[in-house]
Protein backbone atom coordinates (compact mmCIF):
# COMPACT_ATOMS: atom_id res chain seq x y z
CA MET A 1 124.53 124.91 41.28
CA PRO A 2 123.70 128.57 41.46
CA ILE A 3 122.07 129.68 44.60
CA PRO A 4 118.39 130.98 44.60
CA SER A 5 117.43 134.22 45.29
CA GLN A 6 114.70 133.30 47.35
CA LEU A 7 115.80 130.65 49.79
CA ASN A 8 113.14 128.11 51.55
CA ARG A 9 113.04 127.42 54.94
CA ARG A 10 115.15 124.72 55.35
CA GLU A 11 117.88 126.64 53.71
CA PHE A 12 117.32 130.00 55.49
CA ILE A 13 118.05 127.94 58.79
CA LEU A 14 121.18 126.32 57.31
CA SER A 15 122.21 129.61 55.67
CA ALA A 16 121.80 130.93 59.71
CA MET A 17 123.54 128.33 61.15
CA ALA A 18 126.70 128.42 58.66
CA ALA A 19 126.69 132.44 59.64
CA ALA A 20 126.54 131.68 63.66
CA SER A 21 129.40 129.31 63.11
CA THR A 22 131.30 131.14 60.91
CA PHE A 23 130.97 134.17 63.30
CA ALA A 24 132.03 131.75 66.44
CA LEU A 25 135.36 131.11 64.24
CA GLY A 26 136.08 134.67 64.43
CA ALA A 27 135.99 135.23 60.62
CA ASP A 28 132.89 137.82 61.04
CA LYS A 29 134.28 139.70 63.82
CA PRO A 30 134.36 143.54 63.52
CA GLY A 31 137.75 144.59 62.31
CA SER A 32 138.90 140.77 61.33
CA ARG A 33 139.00 139.39 57.91
CA LYS A 34 137.40 136.38 56.16
CA PRO A 35 140.18 133.39 56.52
CA ASN A 36 142.57 132.43 54.21
CA ILE A 37 142.24 129.01 53.30
CA VAL A 38 145.34 126.47 52.21
CA PHE A 39 144.73 123.14 51.58
CA LEU A 40 148.22 120.72 51.31
CA LEU A 41 148.00 117.25 49.08
CA ALA A 42 150.38 114.87 49.26
CA ASP A 43 150.24 112.05 47.02
CA ASP A 44 150.42 108.15 47.48
CA MET A 45 151.73 109.43 50.93
CA GLY A 46 150.70 106.91 53.74
CA TYR A 47 149.36 106.99 57.09
CA GLY A 48 152.43 105.94 58.38
CA ASP A 49 155.38 108.25 56.42
CA PRO A 50 154.86 111.63 58.47
CA ALA A 51 157.00 111.26 61.60
CA ILE A 52 154.07 112.89 63.71
CA TYR A 53 152.45 109.60 62.69
CA GLY A 54 155.03 107.31 63.88
CA GLN A 55 157.75 107.23 61.24
CA LEU A 56 160.93 106.09 62.55
CA LYS A 57 162.71 106.49 59.10
CA ILE A 58 162.21 109.77 57.40
CA LYS A 59 162.11 112.87 59.07
CA THR A 60 159.02 115.61 58.54
CA PRO A 61 160.07 118.17 60.82
CA ASN A 62 157.41 120.78 58.82
CA ILE A 63 154.30 118.53 58.64
CA ASP A 64 154.92 117.37 62.43
CA ARG A 65 155.26 121.61 62.99
CA LEU A 66 151.81 121.40 61.22
CA ALA A 67 150.54 118.96 63.96
CA HIS A 68 152.45 120.81 66.60
CA GLU A 69 150.79 124.01 65.92
CA GLY A 70 147.17 122.67 65.11
CA VAL A 71 145.06 119.42 65.71
CA ARG A 72 146.10 116.10 64.00
CA PHE A 73 143.48 113.39 63.44
CA THR A 74 144.32 109.81 63.67
CA GLN A 75 141.30 108.62 62.23
CA GLY A 76 141.09 111.13 58.63
CA TYR A 77 140.69 109.50 55.39
CA ALA A 78 140.55 110.42 51.58
CA GLY A 79 137.59 110.11 49.89
CA ALA A 80 138.94 106.90 47.64
CA PRO A 81 141.63 104.30 47.67
CA VAL A 82 142.93 106.23 44.32
CA CYS A 83 143.63 109.79 43.27
CA GLY A 84 141.21 111.08 40.64
CA PRO A 85 138.29 110.03 42.80
CA SER A 86 139.41 110.71 45.50
CA ARG A 87 140.74 114.48 44.57
CA CYS A 88 136.90 114.58 43.21
CA THR A 89 135.31 114.23 46.87
CA LEU A 90 137.73 116.80 48.08
CA MET A 91 136.42 119.66 45.32
CA THR A 92 133.09 118.81 45.36
CA GLY A 93 131.72 117.09 48.69
CA MET A 94 130.31 114.48 47.11
CA ASN A 95 131.43 110.48 47.98
CA GLY A 96 132.72 108.12 46.24
CA GLY A 97 128.56 106.97 45.57
CA HIS A 98 127.65 110.14 44.41
CA ALA A 99 130.75 112.28 42.42
CA ARG A 100 131.67 112.62 39.09
CA ILE A 101 134.51 110.72 39.07
CA ARG A 102 134.86 107.55 41.01
CA ASP A 103 137.97 105.76 39.90
CA ASN A 104 140.82 106.54 37.48
CA PHE A 105 138.91 105.16 34.70
CA ALA A 106 135.24 105.15 33.26
CA LEU A 107 132.83 101.87 32.79
CA ALA A 108 130.72 104.80 30.03
CA GLY A 109 130.51 108.08 29.22
CA GLY A 110 133.48 110.55 29.85
CA HIS A 111 135.96 110.87 26.90
CA ILE A 112 138.51 107.95 25.23
CA GLY A 113 142.12 109.11 25.48
CA HIS A 114 145.45 107.66 25.70
CA LYS A 115 148.02 106.77 28.61
CA LYS A 116 151.13 105.80 26.72
CA LYS A 117 149.94 103.58 24.23
CA GLU A 118 147.01 102.18 25.98
CA GLN A 119 143.42 103.54 25.45
CA ILE A 120 141.66 104.74 28.14
CA ARG A 121 138.30 105.87 28.64
CA ARG A 122 138.24 108.75 31.97
CA ALA A 123 135.51 110.59 33.82
CA SER A 124 135.90 114.29 34.28
CA LEU A 125 133.89 116.89 35.55
CA THR A 126 131.53 118.47 33.82
CA SER A 127 129.35 121.81 33.70
CA GLU A 128 126.80 120.57 36.29
CA ASP A 129 129.57 120.45 38.69
CA ARG A 130 130.50 122.67 41.29
CA THR A 131 133.87 122.67 43.39
CA VAL A 132 134.75 124.28 46.43
CA ALA A 133 136.61 127.10 44.69
CA ASP A 134 133.38 127.74 42.45
CA TYR A 135 131.52 128.57 45.73
CA LEU A 136 134.85 130.24 47.36
CA HIS A 137 135.06 132.60 44.51
CA THR A 138 131.47 133.52 43.96
CA ALA A 139 132.37 134.49 47.95
CA GLY A 140 134.88 136.85 47.42
CA TYR A 141 138.23 134.46 47.13
CA ARG A 142 140.92 134.55 44.92
CA THR A 143 141.31 131.32 44.35
CA GLY A 144 144.91 129.38 43.18
CA LEU A 145 145.52 125.76 42.37
CA MET A 146 149.26 124.69 41.64
CA GLY A 147 150.09 121.54 40.73
CA LYS A 148 148.25 118.62 40.18
CA TRP A 149 144.55 118.50 39.02
CA HIS A 150 143.51 115.40 37.77
CA LEU A 151 139.88 115.96 37.49
CA ASP A 152 139.70 116.37 33.60
CA GLY A 153 140.55 113.13 31.90
CA TYR A 154 140.72 113.84 27.99
CA ASP A 155 137.88 116.81 28.22
CA PRO A 156 139.69 119.81 27.61
CA ASP A 157 136.64 121.59 28.85
CA ALA A 158 137.18 120.32 32.68
CA ILE A 159 140.30 122.21 33.70
CA PRO A 160 140.75 124.19 36.65
CA THR A 161 139.91 127.56 35.31
CA ARG A 162 136.74 126.35 34.26
CA HIS A 163 135.89 125.02 37.26
CA GLY A 164 136.42 127.67 40.30
CA PHE A 165 139.84 128.60 39.96
CA GLU A 166 141.22 132.11 39.18
CA GLU A 167 144.75 130.79 38.72
CA PHE A 168 146.03 126.86 37.73
CA LYS A 169 149.53 126.16 37.66
CA GLY A 170 150.25 122.83 37.03
CA TRP A 171 149.64 119.39 34.75
CA LEU A 172 146.77 118.07 33.05
CA THR A 173 145.95 114.64 32.58
CA GLN A 174 145.67 115.44 28.76
CA ILE A 175 148.64 117.04 27.89
CA ASP A 176 152.05 114.52 28.48
CA GLU A 177 154.50 116.93 28.44
CA THR A 178 153.42 118.62 31.35
CA GLN A 179 153.42 115.77 33.36
CA GLY A 180 156.58 114.23 35.82
CA TYR A 181 158.66 115.30 37.73
CA TRP A 182 160.73 116.76 35.42
CA PRO A 183 158.23 118.51 33.04
CA GLU A 184 159.31 119.98 29.79
CA LYS A 185 156.25 122.23 29.57
CA ARG A 186 153.92 123.33 32.26
CA CYS A 187 150.16 124.92 32.31
CA HIS A 188 149.77 128.56 33.08
CA ASN A 189 146.16 128.94 33.49
CA GLU A 190 145.15 127.92 29.63
CA GLN A 191 148.61 128.36 28.07
CA LEU A 192 151.37 125.99 27.48
CA ILE A 193 155.17 127.75 28.70
CA ASP A 194 158.17 125.81 28.06
CA ILE A 195 160.48 124.77 31.27
CA PRO A 196 163.78 124.91 29.34
CA GLU A 197 165.80 123.52 32.20
CA ASN A 198 164.31 120.42 31.37
CA ALA A 199 164.50 120.36 27.68
CA ASN A 200 165.98 117.15 26.03
CA GLY A 201 165.53 115.01 29.10
CA ASN A 202 167.55 117.43 31.13
CA HIS A 203 166.64 117.60 34.80
CA GLY A 204 167.07 121.18 35.97
CA ARG A 205 163.60 122.04 37.42
CA TYR A 206 162.35 119.39 39.91
CA ASP A 207 158.37 119.54 40.05
CA THR A 208 158.27 119.63 43.90
CA ASN A 209 159.90 122.79 44.26
CA ILE A 210 158.25 124.06 41.68
CA ILE A 211 155.28 123.80 43.06
CA THR A 212 156.47 125.29 45.97
CA GLU A 213 157.63 128.61 44.66
CA ASP A 214 154.49 129.16 42.56
CA SER A 215 152.87 128.83 45.91
CA ILE A 216 154.99 131.11 47.62
CA ASP A 217 154.66 133.68 44.74
CA TYR A 218 150.65 133.29 45.14
CA ILE A 219 150.59 133.80 48.24
CA GLU A 220 152.62 137.01 48.01
CA ARG A 221 150.57 138.67 45.60
CA HIS A 222 147.42 137.81 47.35
CA GLN A 223 148.61 138.62 50.62
CA HIS A 224 145.93 141.48 51.05
CA ASP A 225 143.15 139.30 49.75
CA PRO A 226 141.20 136.48 51.44
CA PHE A 227 142.30 133.47 48.93
CA PHE A 228 141.91 129.67 49.13
CA LEU A 229 145.02 127.88 47.79
CA TYR A 230 145.32 124.55 46.68
CA VAL A 231 148.54 123.13 46.84
CA ALA A 232 148.90 119.53 45.15
CA TYR A 233 152.21 118.09 45.58
CA ASP A 234 153.11 115.35 43.56
CA SER A 235 155.49 113.82 46.12
CA PRO A 236 155.91 110.74 46.58
CA HIS A 237 154.01 109.09 43.83
CA SER A 238 156.16 106.68 41.53
CA PRO A 239 158.51 106.97 39.83
CA TYR A 240 160.60 107.54 42.38
CA THR A 241 163.19 110.51 41.84
CA SER A 242 164.35 113.61 43.19
CA PRO A 243 167.19 115.77 42.69
CA ASP A 244 169.79 113.53 44.97
CA PHE A 245 169.41 111.69 48.32
CA GLY A 246 169.11 114.90 50.58
CA PRO A 247 169.78 114.08 53.93
CA TYR A 248 169.96 110.34 52.96
CA ALA A 249 172.47 110.24 50.92
CA ASP A 250 175.18 108.38 53.48
CA HIS A 251 172.42 106.85 55.01
CA PRO A 252 173.90 102.96 55.46
CA ASN A 253 172.21 99.82 54.56
CA TRP A 254 169.79 101.93 52.24
CA ALA A 255 169.07 100.83 48.91
CA ASP A 256 168.90 103.80 46.64
CA ASP A 257 165.09 103.70 45.94
CA GLU A 258 164.67 103.81 49.50
CA LYS A 259 166.70 107.16 49.70
CA THR A 260 165.03 108.18 46.82
CA TYR A 261 161.70 107.64 48.10
CA ALA A 262 162.49 109.12 51.60
CA ALA A 263 164.13 112.32 49.45
CA MET A 264 161.31 112.69 47.62
CA ILE A 265 159.26 113.25 50.98
CA TRP A 266 162.17 115.55 52.68
CA TYR A 267 161.82 117.91 49.30
CA MET A 268 158.14 118.17 49.57
CA ASP A 269 158.35 118.72 53.83
CA GLN A 270 161.05 121.07 52.98
CA GLY A 271 158.09 122.99 50.74
CA ILE A 272 156.09 122.99 53.22
CA GLY A 273 158.21 124.66 55.54
CA ARG A 274 158.72 127.39 53.23
CA ILE A 275 155.15 127.82 52.53
CA LEU A 276 154.34 127.96 56.18
CA ASP A 277 157.46 130.04 56.89
CA THR A 278 155.94 132.49 54.20
CA LEU A 279 152.94 132.77 55.76
CA ARG A 280 154.71 134.09 59.38
CA LYS A 281 156.71 136.51 57.64
CA LEU A 282 153.75 138.21 56.01
CA HIS A 283 152.16 137.95 59.18
CA LEU A 284 149.06 135.68 57.87
CA ASP A 285 149.63 132.80 60.11
CA GLN A 286 146.18 134.01 62.79
CA ASP A 287 144.40 134.49 59.08
CA THR A 288 145.13 131.43 57.66
CA ILE A 289 144.11 127.95 57.67
CA VAL A 290 146.21 125.52 56.82
CA PHE A 291 144.74 121.63 55.58
CA PHE A 292 147.53 119.13 55.12
CA ALA A 293 146.46 115.34 54.06
CA SER A 294 147.29 112.81 51.49
CA ASP A 295 144.90 111.49 48.58
CA ASN A 296 144.93 108.24 49.42
CA GLY A 297 147.48 105.26 50.81
CA PRO A 298 150.84 104.36 49.80
CA ARG A 299 152.32 102.52 46.65
CA SER A 300 151.63 103.81 43.32
CA GLU A 301 151.81 100.04 41.83
CA PRO A 302 151.74 96.95 43.17
CA THR A 303 155.37 96.43 41.84
CA VAL A 304 157.92 94.13 43.89
CA GLN A 305 160.11 97.51 44.27
CA GLN A 306 157.56 99.64 45.43
CA THR A 307 156.28 97.18 47.48
CA ARG A 308 159.71 96.75 49.12
CA VAL A 309 160.24 100.18 49.96
CA ILE A 310 157.02 100.87 51.24
CA ASP A 311 157.24 98.11 53.57
CA PHE A 312 160.53 98.98 54.48
CA PHE A 313 159.35 101.87 55.70
CA ASP A 314 156.24 100.81 57.00
CA SER A 315 154.39 103.35 55.29
CA ASN A 316 150.78 102.33 55.76
CA ALA A 317 151.37 101.96 59.65
CA ASN A 318 150.83 98.35 59.97
CA LEU A 319 147.64 98.73 58.37
CA THR A 320 145.78 96.10 55.90
CA GLY A 321 146.47 97.88 52.61
CA TYR A 322 147.58 99.60 50.26
CA LYS A 323 146.46 102.50 47.15
CA ARG A 324 143.27 100.51 45.66
CA ASP A 325 142.34 98.76 48.49
CA MET A 326 139.37 99.14 50.54
CA TYR A 327 141.01 98.39 53.81
CA GLU A 328 142.58 101.31 56.15
CA GLY A 329 146.03 100.92 54.11
CA GLY A 330 144.55 102.14 51.36
CA ILE A 331 142.23 105.11 52.49
CA ARG A 332 143.33 106.27 56.21
CA ASP A 333 145.64 109.27 55.85
CA PRO A 334 147.19 111.93 57.97
CA TRP A 335 144.97 114.46 58.09
CA ILE A 336 146.09 117.52 60.33
CA VAL A 337 144.66 121.17 60.52
CA ARG A 338 146.15 124.45 61.50
CA TRP A 339 145.14 127.98 62.35
CA THR A 340 147.14 129.80 64.69
CA GLY A 341 145.50 131.58 67.52
CA HIS A 342 142.24 130.05 66.94
CA ILE A 343 142.91 126.10 67.19
CA GLN A 344 144.53 124.96 70.27
CA ALA A 345 148.44 124.11 69.14
CA GLY A 346 149.34 120.11 69.82
CA THR A 347 146.15 118.40 70.15
CA VAL A 348 144.59 115.42 69.04
CA SER A 349 141.01 114.22 67.52
CA GLN A 350 140.31 110.79 67.34
CA MET A 351 136.76 111.74 65.45
CA PRO A 352 136.71 110.13 61.73
CA VAL A 353 136.72 112.65 58.97
CA TYR A 354 137.40 112.75 55.24
CA PHE A 355 137.44 114.56 52.15
CA PRO A 356 134.18 115.08 51.63
CA ASP A 357 134.04 117.12 54.74
CA PHE A 358 136.29 120.05 53.46
CA LEU A 359 133.89 121.35 51.05
CA PRO A 360 131.13 122.25 53.91
CA THR A 361 133.67 123.53 55.97
CA ALA A 362 135.53 125.98 54.15
CA LEU A 363 131.98 127.18 53.16
CA GLU A 364 131.33 127.61 57.16
CA LEU A 365 135.17 129.58 57.42
CA ALA A 366 134.11 131.46 54.31
CA GLY A 367 130.57 132.40 56.16
CA ALA A 368 129.22 131.34 52.66
CA PRO A 369 125.75 129.75 52.17
CA PRO A 370 125.82 125.63 52.93
CA GLU A 371 125.25 123.92 49.98
CA LYS A 372 124.73 120.51 49.17
CA SER A 373 127.78 117.60 50.06
CA ASP A 374 128.04 114.21 51.70
CA GLY A 375 130.49 116.20 54.54
CA ILE A 376 130.08 118.20 57.60
CA ALA A 377 131.38 121.18 58.23
CA LEU A 378 133.99 120.75 61.14
CA GLY A 379 134.47 124.06 62.72
CA LYS A 380 133.12 123.48 65.76
CA TYR A 381 135.51 120.00 66.29
CA LEU A 382 138.41 122.24 64.98
CA LEU A 383 138.00 124.24 67.83
CA HIS A 384 136.89 121.71 70.13
CA PRO A 385 139.15 118.47 69.63
CA THR A 386 138.29 116.19 71.98
CA GLU A 387 134.50 116.44 70.99
CA ARG A 388 133.47 113.43 68.20
CA GLY A 389 129.82 114.23 67.26
CA GLU A 390 127.26 111.83 66.72
CA ASP A 391 128.28 108.25 64.77
CA ARG A 392 128.30 109.24 61.13
CA PHE A 393 127.79 107.09 57.96
CA LEU A 394 131.53 107.22 56.04
CA TYR A 395 131.31 105.40 52.58
CA TRP A 396 133.45 105.02 49.83
CA GLU A 397 133.42 103.22 46.21
CA PHE A 398 135.28 102.29 43.55
CA TYR A 399 135.70 100.13 40.58
CA GLU A 400 139.49 98.50 40.45
CA PRO A 401 139.53 95.98 39.37
CA THR A 402 135.79 95.82 39.83
CA TYR A 403 132.92 97.43 41.76
CA ARG A 404 134.11 97.54 45.57
CA GLN A 405 132.61 99.63 48.32
CA ALA A 406 133.55 100.61 51.94
CA ALA A 407 131.78 102.43 54.75
CA ARG A 408 132.22 103.05 58.39
CA LEU A 409 129.96 103.55 61.23
CA GLY A 410 131.43 104.56 64.57
CA LYS A 411 133.69 102.24 65.69
CA TRP A 412 132.67 99.85 62.68
CA LYS A 413 133.94 99.22 58.87
CA ALA A 414 132.15 97.32 56.57
CA VAL A 415 134.18 96.18 53.43
CA ARG A 416 132.71 94.45 50.00
CA LEU A 417 134.85 93.45 47.87
CA LYS A 418 132.89 92.35 44.52
CA ARG A 419 129.03 93.37 43.21
CA GLY A 420 126.83 90.92 45.42
CA ALA A 421 129.59 89.70 47.62
CA LYS A 422 128.85 89.36 51.31
CA LEU A 423 129.83 92.20 53.61
CA GLU A 424 133.48 91.74 55.75
CA LEU A 425 132.68 93.56 59.46
CA TYR A 426 135.46 94.81 61.45
CA ASP A 427 135.35 96.46 65.13
CA LEU A 428 138.39 99.31 64.55
CA SER A 429 138.27 99.65 68.46
CA SER A 430 139.72 96.98 69.14
CA ASP A 431 141.18 95.62 65.41
CA PRO A 432 142.32 98.55 63.13
CA TRP A 433 144.36 96.10 61.44
CA GLU A 434 140.83 94.64 59.78
CA SER A 435 142.42 91.16 60.53
CA LYS A 436 139.34 89.51 61.95
CA ASN A 437 135.93 89.27 59.72
CA ILE A 438 133.10 89.27 62.41
CA ALA A 439 130.19 89.97 60.16
CA ALA A 440 128.78 86.35 61.13
CA ASP A 441 128.64 87.71 64.84
CA HIS A 442 127.11 90.51 64.44
CA PRO A 443 124.00 90.23 61.59
CA ASP A 444 122.29 93.48 62.99
CA ILE A 445 125.08 95.43 62.21
CA VAL A 446 125.92 93.92 58.94
CA GLN A 447 122.17 94.90 57.99
CA LYS A 448 122.23 98.27 58.79
CA MET A 449 125.70 98.44 56.80
CA ASP A 450 124.46 96.91 53.82
CA LYS A 451 121.43 99.27 54.02
CA GLY A 452 123.32 102.63 54.47
CA MET A 453 125.49 101.45 51.92
CA ALA A 454 122.77 101.01 49.43
CA GLU A 455 121.20 104.41 50.34
CA GLN A 456 124.60 106.35 49.26
CA HIS A 457 125.35 104.50 45.99
CA THR A 458 123.52 106.24 42.73
CA ALA A 459 124.41 104.46 39.46
CA SER A 460 125.71 107.23 36.79
CA VAL A 461 126.21 107.58 33.01
CA GLU A 462 129.98 107.19 33.69
CA TYR A 463 129.48 104.52 36.53
CA PRO A 464 126.23 102.60 35.99
CA ASP A 465 125.37 99.29 37.31
CA ILE A 466 126.63 96.65 34.71
CA ASP A 467 128.38 93.00 34.71
CA PRO A 468 130.48 92.67 38.06
CA ASP A 469 133.00 91.11 35.91
CA SER A 470 133.66 94.28 33.41
CA SER A 471 136.86 96.06 33.35
CA THR A 472 137.14 99.37 34.13
CA LYS A 473 139.28 100.10 30.96
CA ILE A 474 136.81 99.13 28.27
CA PRO A 475 136.59 101.94 25.32
């Protein structure tokens, strides 16, 4: 949506508020530059996987370092319980009831392609959709994405370079050869390049390391410009594979796939450390705000092997559910923000935040005009982590295997597991495990949550309101 040449009164007030807030954050002070923005995203990493969130078996010193030097959110959420729609909310600021992509599959519209031998219909971003990269590029930022996009579906026009990213090095859903941890090819903007070290099934260059190296190169080349860098790791998404077992090679009583899962996280954590070291070496620490999160809960597929591994590490921190679930284990994730010299180090916030908040926060940091979103700008809460603000309505929807909804308002969490089904209600302040459905005891809260969920849901071309038993994989 283009910015109008003449702002109406409400837009003028919002713009003035954003400018004032940015000044408070320090971006517009005389002699200072707009802050660089780096978003580090893990893939299928559970709330309980980082050591700073209670993990006892896997070491994550650099993720922990971010928390020790910034603010750690204990109630941070992804945008959906699977990667495609979650990343869509992150990039567009729209929740699942309004976003273009609401599942890894589409009910209608979109484009048809193949996932191995299976015919799949996928939604993708369109020319109507604006991303945080679009807005930041307009605001004078260099914009780069290294790694996983997952918003292209099977549409060649839905690639990162058509949605605000000047530079893209990574893989696309529609190009099989670019996928996996040992890809034979890689997208460089709109060209395919060979990775000869991985030709003919060889394992020469590990995707996690490639993403790290490309990110460091990007920072070094743009150190004198304000930049937005989106570092989208694949790790620890299945299949479980790594160059070696890392520091867990000789760990007694661990199965090989457990060692591999831990090593995948270790390689990503080491990469994050290298990126942080680069910022420090270039004296960009105080000029760069770094976000870290995961795109959804753990366990890529509900297999016996993956369930055993995730349960071995307690990756969902004893919360109910895994990836694809609307319970806390499927959507609550590690959320950390560091901005040296601005955010008080080692603080903890219990304020609920989620992916739609990133876009308005990034625009606030950049001093850019606010745009329509379902999130809020978090600037004042980053500077004052003990503040929680007013309770607000957080909303999720998802379509696998059927239409599902979830919402949060203050301490209340509501879940609907099928279209037309009764709401489940949980008090997260006393029951974060969602072990006791107390809907029958609070009909007034159920009514309020039900009304809010109805207001947040808008049917779309890709996700029409159809037969509740329809499959998400229809051709």
